[in-house]
Amino acid sequence: MKYEPILPVAKEQADSAFQGDSPEEIVHALLGVAEYESDWEWVEQRCLSFIDSPFPDVRNTAITCLGHLARTHRKLNKPKVLAALTKIRADPACAGRAEDAIEDVEMFIQ
């Protein structure tokens, strides 16, 4: 795996990627909006919509981005996010990341 910097992604560009079928483009869009978009509620909704993706990379990125939102914005719909993360924790492909994100939410969101 090669490191790639996270680049900003505009909402319109992200929505276009989200409507496509390329897991790689969805992952890059999720990372870009989670890192740079100030509308945390919009980002949260997009992450939650991909938490059940058929693609493990997309699920794991959505989970990671929810944890990132908790750390950076210190705002989330805590009950909704924790419910989604608790549910996805049963998926062996995502359990570790879900645990990490749950810890971030518990630590940074009052």
PDB file of N, CA and C in Angstrom:
ATOM      1  N   MET A   1       0.836  -1.166   0.000  1.00  0.00           N
ATOM      2  CA  MET A   1       0.000   0.000   0.000  1.00  0.00           C
ATOM      3  C   MET A   1       0.887   1.237   0.000  1.00  0.00           C
ATOM      4  N   LYS A   2       0.518   2.212  -0.796  1.00  0.00           N
ATOM      5  CA  LYS A   2       1.290   3.441  -0.943  1.00  0.00           C
ATOM      6  C   LYS A   2       0.537   4.599  -0.292  1.00  0.00           C
ATOM      7  N   TYR A   3       1.259   5.419   0.469  1.00  0.00           N
ATOM      8  CA  TYR A   3       0.643   6.587   1.083  1.00  0.00           C
ATOM      9  C   TYR A   3       0.258   7.589   0.010  1.00  0.00           C
ATOM     10  N   GLU A   4      -0.945   8.117   0.146  1.00  0.00           N
ATOM     11  CA  GLU A   4      -1.406   9.197  -0.721  1.00  0.00           C
ATOM     12  C   GLU A   4      -1.961  10.289   0.173  1.00  0.00           C
ATOM     13  N   PRO A   5      -1.600  11.532  -0.072  1.00  0.00           N
ATOM     14  CA  PRO A   5      -2.147  12.608   0.758  1.00  0.00           C
ATOM     15  C   PRO A   5      -3.658  12.730   0.550  1.00  0.00           C
ATOM     16  N   ILE A   6      -4.340  13.157   1.600  1.00  0.00           N
ATOM     17  CA  ILE A   6      -5.778  13.387   1.498  1.00  0.00           C
ATOM     18  C   ILE A   6      -5.985  14.774   0.927  1.00  0.00           C
ATOM     19  N   LEU A   7      -6.722  14.833  -0.157  1.00  0.00           N
ATOM     20  CA  LEU A   7      -6.975  16.096  -0.835  1.00  0.00           C
ATOM     21  C   LEU A   7      -8.407  16.552  -0.586  1.00  0.00           C
ATOM     22  N   PRO A   8      -8.638  17.860  -0.558  1.00  0.00           N
ATOM     23  CA  PRO A   8     -10.002  18.350  -0.379  1.00  0.00           C
ATOM     24  C   PRO A   8     -10.897  17.901  -1.538  1.00  0.00           C
ATOM     25  N   VAL A   9     -12.146  17.634  -1.208  1.00  0.00           N
ATOM     26  CA  VAL A   9     -13.136  17.254  -2.219  1.00  0.00           C
ATOM     27  C   VAL A   9     -14.377  18.102  -1.970  1.00  0.00           C
ATOM     28  N   ALA A  10     -14.837  18.813  -3.000  1.00  0.00           N
ATOM     29  CA  ALA A  10     -16.049  19.626  -2.890  1.00  0.00           C
ATOM     30  C   ALA A  10     -17.270  18.716  -2.769  1.00  0.00           C
ATOM     31  N   LYS A  11     -18.319  19.229  -2.128  1.00  0.00           N
ATOM     32  CA  LYS A  11     -19.531  18.438  -1.938  1.00  0.00           C
ATOM     33  C   LYS A  11     -20.064  17.876  -3.260  1.00  0.00           C
ATOM     34  N   GLU A  12     -20.095  18.712  -4.282  1.00  0.00           N
ATOM     35  CA  GLU A  12     -20.642  18.286  -5.576  1.00  0.00           C
ATOM     36  C   GLU A  12     -19.804  17.155  -6.173  1.00  0.00           C
ATOM     37  N   GLN A  13     -18.505  17.291  -6.072  1.00  0.00           N
ATOM     38  CA  GLN A  13     -17.591  16.264  -6.568  1.00  0.00           C
ATOM     39  C   GLN A  13     -17.755  14.979  -5.758  1.00  0.00           C
ATOM     40  N   ALA A  14     -17.908  15.116  -4.442  1.00  0.00           N
ATOM     41  CA  ALA A  14     -18.101  13.944  -3.587  1.00  0.00           C
ATOM     42  C   ALA A  14     -19.413  13.252  -3.926  1.00  0.00           C
ATOM     43  N   ASP A  15     -20.476  14.025  -4.077  1.00  0.00           N
ATOM     44  CA  ASP A  15     -21.772  13.422  -4.410  1.00  0.00           C
ATOM     45  C   ASP A  15     -21.716  12.659  -5.723  1.00  0.00           C
ATOM     46  N   SER A  16     -20.959  13.177  -6.659  1.00  0.00           N
ATOM     47  CA  SER A  16     -20.785  12.477  -7.933  1.00  0.00           C
ATOM     48  C   SER A  16     -20.074  11.136  -7.711  1.00  0.00           C
ATOM     49  N   ALA A  17     -19.037  11.140  -6.904  1.00  0.00           N
ATOM     50  CA  ALA A  17     -18.319   9.896  -6.590  1.00  0.00           C
ATOM     51  C   ALA A  17     -19.223   8.936  -5.833  1.00  0.00           C
ATOM     52  N   PHE A  18     -20.024   9.457  -4.912  1.00  0.00           N
ATOM     53  CA  PHE A  18     -20.900   8.621  -4.101  1.00  0.00           C
ATOM     54  C   PHE A  18     -21.979   7.939  -4.939  1.00  0.00           C
ATOM     55  N   GLN A  19     -22.348   8.551  -6.028  1.00  0.00           N
ATOM     56  CA  GLN A  19     -23.368   7.962  -6.894  1.00  0.00           C
ATOM     57  C   GLN A  19     -22.777   6.961  -7.880  1.00  0.00           C
ATOM     58  N   GLY A  20     -21.468   6.923  -7.964  1.00  0.00           N
ATOM     59  CA  GLY A  20     -20.795   6.002  -8.876  1.00  0.00           C
ATOM     60  C   GLY A  20     -20.621   4.635  -8.246  1.00  0.00           C
ATOM     61  N   ASP A  21     -19.919   3.788  -8.969  1.00  0.00           N
ATOM     62  CA  ASP A  21     -19.725   2.421  -8.478  1.00  0.00           C
ATOM     63  C   ASP A  21     -18.249   2.074  -8.281  1.00  0.00           C
ATOM     64  N   SER A  22     -17.417   3.101  -8.137  1.00  0.00           N
ATOM     65  CA  SER A  22     -15.992   2.883  -7.933  1.00  0.00           C
ATOM     66  C   SER A  22     -15.652   2.997  -6.451  1.00  0.00           C
ATOM     67  N   PRO A  23     -15.348   1.875  -5.792  1.00  0.00           N
ATOM     68  CA  PRO A  23     -14.979   1.951  -4.373  1.00  0.00           C
ATOM     69  C   PRO A  23     -13.817   2.903  -4.113  1.00  0.00           C
ATOM     70  N   GLU A  24     -12.846   2.916  -5.005  1.00  0.00           N
ATOM     71  CA  GLU A  24     -11.686   3.792  -4.820  1.00  0.00           C
ATOM     72  C   GLU A  24     -12.100   5.268  -4.822  1.00  0.00           C
ATOM     73  N   GLU A  25     -12.973   5.651  -5.735  1.00  0.00           N
ATOM     74  CA  GLU A  25     -13.428   7.039  -5.783  1.00  0.00           C
ATOM     75  C   GLU A  25     -14.265   7.393  -4.556  1.00  0.00           C
ATOM     76  N   ILE A  26     -15.076   6.460  -4.095  1.00  0.00           N
ATOM     77  CA  ILE A  26     -15.887   6.692  -2.897  1.00  0.00           C
ATOM     78  C   ILE A  26     -14.977   6.882  -1.690  1.00  0.00           C
ATOM     79  N   VAL A  27     -13.965   6.027  -1.559  1.00  0.00           N
ATOM     80  CA  VAL A  27     -13.015   6.131  -0.445  1.00  0.00           C
ATOM     81  C   VAL A  27     -12.320   7.487  -0.458  1.00  0.00           C
ATOM     82  N   HIS A  28     -11.812   7.907  -1.603  1.00  0.00           N
ATOM     83  CA  HIS A  28     -11.120   9.198  -1.691  1.00  0.00           C
ATOM     84  C   HIS A  28     -12.068  10.352  -1.372  1.00  0.00           C
ATOM     85  N   ALA A  29     -13.313  10.256  -1.831  1.00  0.00           N
ATOM     86  CA  ALA A  29     -14.286  11.318  -1.556  1.00  0.00           C
ATOM     87  C   ALA A  29     -14.629  11.367  -0.069  1.00  0.00           C
ATOM     88  N   LEU A  30     -14.841  10.210   0.551  1.00  0.00           N
ATOM     89  CA  LEU A  30     -15.130  10.190   1.986  1.00  0.00           C
ATOM     90  C   LEU A  30     -13.983  10.807   2.785  1.00  0.00           C
ATOM     91  N   LEU A  31     -12.775  10.404   2.470  1.00  0.00           N
ATOM     92  CA  LEU A  31     -11.609  10.953   3.176  1.00  0.00           C
ATOM     93  C   LEU A  31     -11.483  12.460   2.959  1.00  0.00           C
ATOM     94  N   GLY A  32     -11.684  12.905   1.735  1.00  0.00           N
ATOM     95  CA  GLY A  32     -11.556  14.325   1.419  1.00  0.00           C
ATOM     96  C   GLY A  32     -12.568  15.194   2.130  1.00  0.00           C
ATOM     97  N   VAL A  33     -13.816  14.724   2.197  1.00  0.00           N
ATOM     98  CA  VAL A  33     -14.821  15.545   2.884  1.00  0.00           C
ATOM     99  C   VAL A  33     -14.683  15.439   4.399  1.00  0.00           C
ATOM    100  N   ALA A  34     -14.297  14.276   4.906  1.00  0.00           N
ATOM    101  CA  ALA A  34     -14.123  14.142   6.357  1.00  0.00           C
ATOM    102  C   ALA A  34     -12.992  15.032   6.856  1.00  0.00           C
ATOM    103  N   GLU A  35     -11.976  15.187   6.053  1.00  0.00           N
ATOM    104  CA  GLU A  35     -10.820  15.993   6.450  1.00  0.00           C
ATOM    105  C   GLU A  35     -11.063  17.491   6.281  1.00  0.00           C
ATOM    106  N   TYR A  36     -11.776  17.894   5.235  1.00  0.00           N
ATOM    107  CA  TYR A  36     -11.824  19.308   4.881  1.00  0.00           C
ATOM    108  C   TYR A  36     -13.205  19.965   4.912  1.00  0.00           C
ATOM    109  N   GLU A  37     -14.268  19.220   4.868  1.00  0.00           N
ATOM    110  CA  GLU A  37     -15.613  19.814   4.807  1.00  0.00           C
ATOM    111  C   GLU A  37     -16.049  20.281   6.195  1.00  0.00           C
ATOM    112  N   SER A  38     -16.498  21.524   6.287  1.00  0.00           N
ATOM    113  CA  SER A  38     -16.913  22.075   7.579  1.00  0.00           C
ATOM    114  C   SER A  38     -18.316  21.626   7.990  1.00  0.00           C
ATOM    115  N   ASP A  39     -19.122  21.193   7.055  1.00  0.00           N
ATOM    116  CA  ASP A  39     -20.486  20.747   7.344  1.00  0.00           C
ATOM    117  C   ASP A  39     -20.446  19.304   7.853  1.00  0.00           C
ATOM    118  N   TRP A  40     -20.130  19.152   9.147  1.00  0.00           N
ATOM    119  CA  TRP A  40     -19.941  17.830   9.733  1.00  0.00           C
ATOM    120  C   TRP A  40     -21.212  16.980   9.658  1.00  0.00           C
ATOM    121  N   GLU A  41     -22.379  17.609   9.737  1.00  0.00           N
ATOM    122  CA  GLU A  41     -23.624  16.837   9.661  1.00  0.00           C
ATOM    123  C   GLU A  41     -23.789  16.190   8.281  1.00  0.00           C
ATOM    124  N   TRP A  42     -23.434  16.921   7.243  1.00  0.00           N
ATOM    125  CA  TRP A  42     -23.498  16.394   5.879  1.00  0.00           C
ATOM    126  C   TRP A  42     -22.528  15.228   5.738  1.00  0.00           C
ATOM    127  N   VAL A  43     -21.315  15.393   6.263  1.00  0.00           N
ATOM    128  CA  VAL A  43     -20.307  14.335   6.189  1.00  0.00           C
ATOM    129  C   VAL A  43     -20.767  13.120   6.998  1.00  0.00           C
ATOM    130  N   GLU A  44     -21.290  13.355   8.185  1.00  0.00           N
ATOM    131  CA  GLU A  44     -21.778  12.253   9.014  1.00  0.00           C
ATOM    132  C   GLU A  44     -22.818  11.422   8.255  1.00  0.00           C
ATOM    133  N   GLN A  45     -23.777  12.098   7.633  1.00  0.00           N
ATOM    134  CA  GLN A  45     -24.820  11.384   6.881  1.00  0.00           C
ATOM    135  C   GLN A  45     -24.224  10.549   5.752  1.00  0.00           C
ATOM    136  N   ARG A  46     -23.250  11.091   5.049  1.00  0.00           N
ATOM    137  CA  ARG A  46     -22.627  10.339   3.953  1.00  0.00           C
ATOM    138  C   ARG A  46     -21.881   9.123   4.508  1.00  0.00           C
ATOM    139  N   CYS A  47     -21.171   9.315   5.601  1.00  0.00           N
ATOM    140  CA  CYS A  47     -20.449   8.184   6.210  1.00  0.00           C
ATOM    141  C   CYS A  47     -21.426   7.098   6.646  1.00  0.00           C
ATOM    142  N   LEU A  48     -22.497   7.496   7.295  1.00  0.00           N
ATOM    143  CA  LEU A  48     -23.486   6.511   7.747  1.00  0.00           C
ATOM    144  C   LEU A  48     -24.123   5.778   6.571  1.00  0.00           C
ATOM    145  N   SER A  49     -24.275   6.469   5.449  1.00  0.00           N
ATOM    146  CA  SER A  49     -24.889   5.816   4.288  1.00  0.00           C
ATOM    147  C   SER A  49     -23.973   4.754   3.680  1.00  0.00           C
ATOM    148  N   PHE A  50     -22.666   4.840   3.949  1.00  0.00           N
ATOM    149  CA  PHE A  50     -21.720   3.870   3.390  1.00  0.00           C
ATOM    150  C   PHE A  50     -21.254   2.826   4.402  1.00  0.00           C
ATOM    151  N   ILE A  51     -21.768   2.880   5.606  1.00  0.00           N
ATOM    152  CA  ILE A  51     -21.324   1.946   6.626  1.00  0.00           C
ATOM    153  C   ILE A  51     -21.773   0.507   6.325  1.00  0.00           C
ATOM    154  N   ASP A  52     -22.769   0.359   5.465  1.00  0.00           N
ATOM    155  CA  ASP A  52     -23.244  -0.966   5.055  1.00  0.00           C
ATOM    156  C   ASP A  52     -22.872  -1.288   3.608  1.00  0.00           C
ATOM    157  N   SER A  53     -21.899  -0.598   3.082  1.00  0.00           N
ATOM    158  CA  SER A  53     -21.477  -0.828   1.697  1.00  0.00           C
ATOM    159  C   SER A  53     -21.055  -2.288   1.494  1.00  0.00           C
ATOM    160  N   PRO A  54     -21.274  -2.820   0.293  1.00  0.00           N
ATOM    161  CA  PRO A  54     -20.794  -4.178   0.019  1.00  0.00           C
ATOM    162  C   PRO A  54     -19.269  -4.261  -0.085  1.00  0.00           C
ATOM    163  N   PHE A  55     -18.598  -3.114  -0.120  1.00  0.00           N
ATOM    164  CA  PHE A  55     -17.146  -3.084  -0.269  1.00  0.00           C
ATOM    165  C   PHE A  55     -16.479  -2.833   1.083  1.00  0.00           C
ATOM    166  N   PRO A  56     -15.669  -3.775   1.573  1.00  0.00           N
ATOM    167  CA  PRO A  56     -15.021  -3.596   2.883  1.00  0.00           C
ATOM    168  C   PRO A  56     -14.195  -2.315   2.999  1.00  0.00           C
ATOM    169  N   ASP A  57     -13.495  -1.925   1.946  1.00  0.00           N
ATOM    170  CA  ASP A  57     -12.694  -0.695   2.009  1.00  0.00           C
ATOM    171  C   ASP A  57     -13.579   0.527   2.231  1.00  0.00           C
ATOM    172  N   VAL A  58     -14.733   0.540   1.591  1.00  0.00           N
ATOM    173  CA  VAL A  58     -15.660   1.659   1.751  1.00  0.00           C
ATOM    174  C   VAL A  58     -16.233   1.658   3.168  1.00  0.00           C
ATOM    175  N   ARG A  59     -16.648   0.491   3.669  1.00  0.00           N
ATOM    176  CA  ARG A  59     -17.170   0.401   5.044  1.00  0.00           C
ATOM    177  C   ARG A  59     -16.129   0.888   6.041  1.00  0.00           C
ATOM    178  N   ASN A  60     -14.914   0.388   5.910  1.00  0.00           N
ATOM    179  CA  ASN A  60     -13.860   0.765   6.848  1.00  0.00           C
ATOM    180  C   ASN A  60     -13.517   2.247   6.768  1.00  0.00           C
ATOM    181  N   THR A  61     -13.546   2.812   5.586  1.00  0.00           N
ATOM    182  CA  THR A  61     -13.272   4.244   5.443  1.00  0.00           C
ATOM    183  C   THR A  61     -14.384   5.064   6.079  1.00  0.00           C
ATOM    184  N   ALA A  62     -15.623   4.673   5.867  1.00  0.00           N
ATOM    185  CA  ALA A  62     -16.751   5.388   6.481  1.00  0.00           C
ATOM    186  C   ALA A  62     -16.628   5.361   7.999  1.00  0.00           C
ATOM    187  N   ILE A  63     -16.253   4.218   8.540  1.00  0.00           N
ATOM    188  CA  ILE A  63     -16.071   4.073   9.989  1.00  0.00           C
ATOM    189  C   ILE A  63     -14.940   4.980  10.469  1.00  0.00           C
ATOM    190  N   THR A  64     -13.812   4.935   9.796  1.00  0.00           N
ATOM    191  CA  THR A  64     -12.662   5.766  10.155  1.00  0.00           C
ATOM    192  C   THR A  64     -13.027   7.246  10.112  1.00  0.00           C
ATOM    193  N   CYS A  65     -13.774   7.629   9.104  1.00  0.00           N
ATOM    194  CA  CYS A  65     -14.163   9.031   8.961  1.00  0.00           C
ATOM    195  C   CYS A  65     -15.099   9.478  10.084  1.00  0.00           C
ATOM    196  N   LEU A  66     -15.948   8.594  10.572  1.00  0.00           N
ATOM    197  CA  LEU A  66     -16.796   8.951  11.716  1.00  0.00           C
ATOM    198  C   LEU A  66     -15.940   9.210  12.949  1.00  0.00           C
ATOM    199  N   GLY A  67     -14.944   8.388  13.171  1.00  0.00           N
ATOM    200  CA  GLY A  67     -14.017   8.628  14.274  1.00  0.00           C
ATOM    201  C   GLY A  67     -13.271   9.936  14.100  1.00  0.00           C
ATOM    202  N   HIS A  68     -12.885  10.215  12.866  1.00  0.00           N
ATOM    203  CA  HIS A  68     -12.169  11.466  12.568  1.00  0.00           C
ATOM    204  C   HIS A  68     -13.061  12.673  12.859  1.00  0.00           C
ATOM    205  N   LEU A  69     -14.324  12.589  12.470  1.00  0.00           N
ATOM    206  CA  LEU A  69     -15.252  13.692  12.750  1.00  0.00           C
ATOM    207  C   LEU A  69     -15.370  13.936  14.248  1.00  0.00           C
ATOM    208  N   ALA A  70     -15.432  12.856  15.022  1.00  0.00           N
ATOM    209  CA  ALA A  70     -15.522  13.008  16.472  1.00  0.00           C
ATOM    210  C   ALA A  70     -14.290  13.728  17.015  1.00  0.00           C
ATOM    211  N   ARG A  71     -13.121  13.350  16.521  1.00  0.00           N
ATOM    212  CA  ARG A  71     -11.872  13.957  17.010  1.00  0.00           C
ATOM    213  C   ARG A  71     -11.723  15.405  16.567  1.00  0.00           C
ATOM    214  N   THR A  72     -12.056  15.705  15.327  1.00  0.00           N
ATOM    215  CA  THR A  72     -11.768  17.035  14.792  1.00  0.00           C
ATOM    216  C   THR A  72     -12.886  18.045  15.040  1.00  0.00           C
ATOM    217  N   HIS A  73     -14.129  17.630  14.900  1.00  0.00           N
ATOM    218  CA  HIS A  73     -15.243  18.564  15.063  1.00  0.00           C
ATOM    219  C   HIS A  73     -15.834  18.534  16.472  1.00  0.00           C
ATOM    220  N   ARG A  74     -15.623  17.414  17.151  1.00  0.00           N
ATOM    221  CA  ARG A  74     -16.169  17.209  18.484  1.00  0.00           C
ATOM    222  C   ARG A  74     -17.679  17.390  18.506  1.00  0.00           C
ATOM    223  N   LYS A  75     -18.290  17.042  17.366  1.00  0.00           N
ATOM    224  CA  LYS A  75     -19.742  17.083  17.236  1.00  0.00           C
ATOM    225  C   LYS A  75     -20.163  15.904  16.365  1.00  0.00           C
ATOM    226  N   LEU A  76     -21.189  15.227  16.804  1.00  0.00           N
ATOM    227  CA  LEU A  76     -21.804  14.136  16.042  1.00  0.00           C
ATOM    228  C   LEU A  76     -23.168  13.877  16.647  1.00  0.00           C
ATOM    229  N   ASN A  77     -24.008  13.186  15.904  1.00  0.00           N
ATOM    230  CA  ASN A  77     -25.243  12.661  16.480  1.00  0.00           C
ATOM    231  C   ASN A  77     -24.826  11.376  17.192  1.00  0.00           C
ATOM    232  N   LYS A  78     -24.413  11.527  18.433  1.00  0.00           N
ATOM    233  CA  LYS A  78     -23.783  10.432  19.173  1.00  0.00           C
ATOM    234  C   LYS A  78     -24.634   9.167  19.218  1.00  0.00           C
ATOM    235  N   PRO A  79     -25.923   9.240  19.572  1.00  0.00           N
ATOM    236  CA  PRO A  79     -26.707   7.998  19.633  1.00  0.00           C
ATOM    237  C   PRO A  79     -26.802   7.288  18.285  1.00  0.00           C
ATOM    238  N   LYS A  80     -26.997   8.049  17.245  1.00  0.00           N
ATOM    239  CA  LYS A  80     -27.124   7.470  15.904  1.00  0.00           C
ATOM    240  C   LYS A  80     -25.812   6.835  15.441  1.00  0.00           C
ATOM    241  N   VAL A  81     -24.718   7.540  15.643  1.00  0.00           N
ATOM    242  CA  VAL A  81     -23.413   7.050  15.209  1.00  0.00           C
ATOM    243  C   VAL A  81     -23.005   5.825  16.027  1.00  0.00           C
ATOM    244  N   LEU A  82     -23.190   5.881  17.341  1.00  0.00           N
ATOM    245  CA  LEU A  82     -22.828   4.730  18.173  1.00  0.00           C
ATOM    246  C   LEU A  82     -23.659   3.496  17.830  1.00  0.00           C
ATOM    247  N   ALA A  83     -24.936   3.696  17.522  1.00  0.00           N
ATOM    248  CA  ALA A  83     -25.779   2.555  17.125  1.00  0.00           C
ATOM    249  C   ALA A  83     -25.249   1.910  15.853  1.00  0.00           C
ATOM    250  N   ALA A  84     -24.875   2.728  14.875  1.00  0.00           N
ATOM    251  CA  ALA A  84     -24.348   2.202  13.608  1.00  0.00           C
ATOM    252  C   ALA A  84     -23.008   1.504  13.820  1.00  0.00           C
ATOM    253  N   LEU A  85     -22.148   2.105  14.618  1.00  0.00           N
ATOM    254  CA  LEU A  85     -20.830   1.516  14.868  1.00  0.00           C
ATOM    255  C   LEU A  85     -20.937   0.223  15.671  1.00  0.00           C
ATOM    256  N   THR A  86     -21.843   0.188  16.615  1.00  0.00           N
ATOM    257  CA  THR A  86     -22.045  -1.024  17.410  1.00  0.00           C
ATOM    258  C   THR A  86     -22.541  -2.164  16.523  1.00  0.00           C
ATOM    259  N   LYS A  87     -23.439  -1.842  15.615  1.00  0.00           N
ATOM    260  CA  LYS A  87     -23.969  -2.853  14.693  1.00  0.00           C
ATOM    261  C   LYS A  87     -22.869  -3.391  13.776  1.00  0.00           C
ATOM    262  N   ILE A  88     -22.068  -2.515  13.198  1.00  0.00           N
ATOM    263  CA  ILE A  88     -21.041  -2.932  12.232  1.00  0.00           C
ATOM    264  C   ILE A  88     -19.877  -3.638  12.931  1.00  0.00           C
ATOM    265  N   ARG A  89     -19.774  -3.477  14.226  1.00  0.00           N
ATOM    266  CA  ARG A  89     -18.714  -4.149  14.981  1.00  0.00           C
ATOM    267  C   ARG A  89     -18.812  -5.673  14.846  1.00  0.00           C
ATOM    268  N   ALA A  90     -20.001  -6.189  14.513  1.00  0.00           N
ATOM    269  CA  ALA A  90     -20.188  -7.634  14.325  1.00  0.00           C
ATOM    270  C   ALA A  90     -19.556  -8.135  13.028  1.00  0.00           C
ATOM    271  N   ASP A  91     -19.209  -7.230  12.128  1.00  0.00           N
ATOM    272  CA  ASP A  91     -18.579  -7.589  10.849  1.00  0.00           C
ATOM    273  C   ASP A  91     -17.080  -7.779  11.093  1.00  0.00           C
ATOM    274  N   PRO A  92     -16.561  -9.008  10.936  1.00  0.00           N
ATOM    275  CA  PRO A  92     -15.133  -9.244  11.205  1.00  0.00           C
ATOM    276  C   PRO A  92     -14.195  -8.353  10.395  1.00  0.00           C
ATOM    277  N   ALA A  93     -14.623  -7.933   9.208  1.00  0.00           N
ATOM    278  CA  ALA A  93     -13.777  -7.084   8.367  1.00  0.00           C
ATOM    279  C   ALA A  93     -13.685  -5.655   8.896  1.00  0.00           C
ATOM    280  N   CYS A  94     -14.584  -5.309   9.823  1.00  0.00           N
ATOM    281  CA  CYS A  94     -14.649  -3.926  10.298  1.00  0.00           C
ATOM    282  C   CYS A  94     -14.564  -3.781  11.808  1.00  0.00           C
ATOM    283  N   ALA A  95     -14.504  -4.882  12.516  1.00  0.00           N
ATOM    284  CA  ALA A  95     -14.601  -4.849  13.982  1.00  0.00           C
ATOM    285  C   ALA A  95     -13.555  -3.949  14.636  1.00  0.00           C
ATOM    286  N   GLY A  96     -12.311  -4.069  14.220  1.00  0.00           N
ATOM    287  CA  GLY A  96     -11.242  -3.270  14.817  1.00  0.00           C
ATOM    288  C   GLY A  96     -11.433  -1.786  14.602  1.00  0.00           C
ATOM    289  N   ARG A  97     -11.766  -1.424  13.395  1.00  0.00           N
ATOM    290  CA  ARG A  97     -11.970   0.001  13.105  1.00  0.00           C
ATOM    291  C   ARG A  97     -13.205   0.528  13.833  1.00  0.00           C
ATOM    292  N   ALA A  98     -14.233  -0.314  13.914  1.00  0.00           N
ATOM    293  CA  ALA A  98     -15.440   0.102  14.632  1.00  0.00           C
ATOM    294  C   ALA A  98     -15.121   0.353  16.102  1.00  0.00           C
ATOM    295  N   GLU A  99     -14.342  -0.521  16.699  1.00  0.00           N
ATOM    296  CA  GLU A  99     -13.938  -0.333  18.103  1.00  0.00           C
ATOM    297  C   GLU A  99     -13.174   0.979  18.264  1.00  0.00           C
ATOM    298  N   ASP A 100     -12.239   1.246  17.370  1.00  0.00           N
ATOM    299  CA  ASP A 100     -11.462   2.487  17.434  1.00  0.00           C
ATOM    300  C   ASP A 100     -12.378   3.710  17.314  1.00  0.00           C
ATOM    301  N   ALA A 101     -13.313   3.658  16.375  1.00  0.00           N
ATOM    302  CA  ALA A 101     -14.218   4.791  16.172  1.00  0.00           C
ATOM    303  C   ALA A 101     -15.142   4.978  17.375  1.00  0.00           C
ATOM    304  N   ILE A 102     -15.610   3.876  17.955  1.00  0.00           N
ATOM    305  CA  ILE A 102     -16.446   3.974  19.160  1.00  0.00           C
ATOM    306  C   ILE A 102     -15.661   4.655  20.277  1.00  0.00           C
ATOM    307  N   GLU A 103     -14.407   4.278  20.448  1.00  0.00           N
ATOM    308  CA  GLU A 103     -13.562   4.922  21.461  1.00  0.00           C
ATOM    309  C   GLU A 103     -13.416   6.415  21.197  1.00  0.00           C
ATOM    310  N   ASP A 104     -13.225   6.786  19.920  1.00  0.00           N
ATOM    311  CA  ASP A 104     -13.105   8.210  19.578  1.00  0.00           C
ATOM    312  C   ASP A 104     -14.398   8.956  19.906  1.00  0.00           C
ATOM    313  N   VAL A 105     -15.523   8.386  19.551  1.00  0.00           N
ATOM    314  CA  VAL A 105     -16.818   9.033  19.828  1.00  0.00           C
ATOM    315  C   VAL A 105     -17.005   9.193  21.336  1.00  0.00           C
ATOM    316  N   GLU A 106     -16.742   8.128  22.085  1.00  0.00           N
ATOM    317  CA  GLU A 106     -16.909   8.190  23.547  1.00  0.00           C
ATOM    318  C   GLU A 106     -15.961   9.213  24.171  1.00  0.00           C
ATOM    319  N   MET A 107     -14.754   9.322  23.639  1.00  0.00           N
ATOM    320  CA  MET A 107     -13.760  10.218  24.218  1.00  0.00           C
ATOM    321  C   MET A 107     -14.012  11.688  23.878  1.00  0.00           C
ATOM    322  N   PHE A 108     -14.441  11.971  22.655  1.00  0.00           N
ATOM    323  CA  PHE A 108     -14.487  13.347  22.189  1.00  0.00           C
ATOM    324  C   PHE A 108     -15.878  13.974  22.105  1.00  0.00           C
ATOM    325  N   ILE A 109     -16.921  13.172  22.230  1.00  0.00           N
ATOM    326  CA  ILE A 109     -18.284  13.708  22.123  1.00  0.00           C
ATOM    327  C   ILE A 109     -18.957  13.620  23.494  1.00  0.00           C
ATOM    328  N   GLN A 110     -19.421  14.734  23.986  1.00  0.00           N
ATOM    329  CA  GLN A 110     -20.092  14.760  25.309  1.00  0.00           C
ATOM    330  C   GLN A 110     -21.498  14.248  25.235  1.00  0.00           C
TER     331      GLN A 110
END
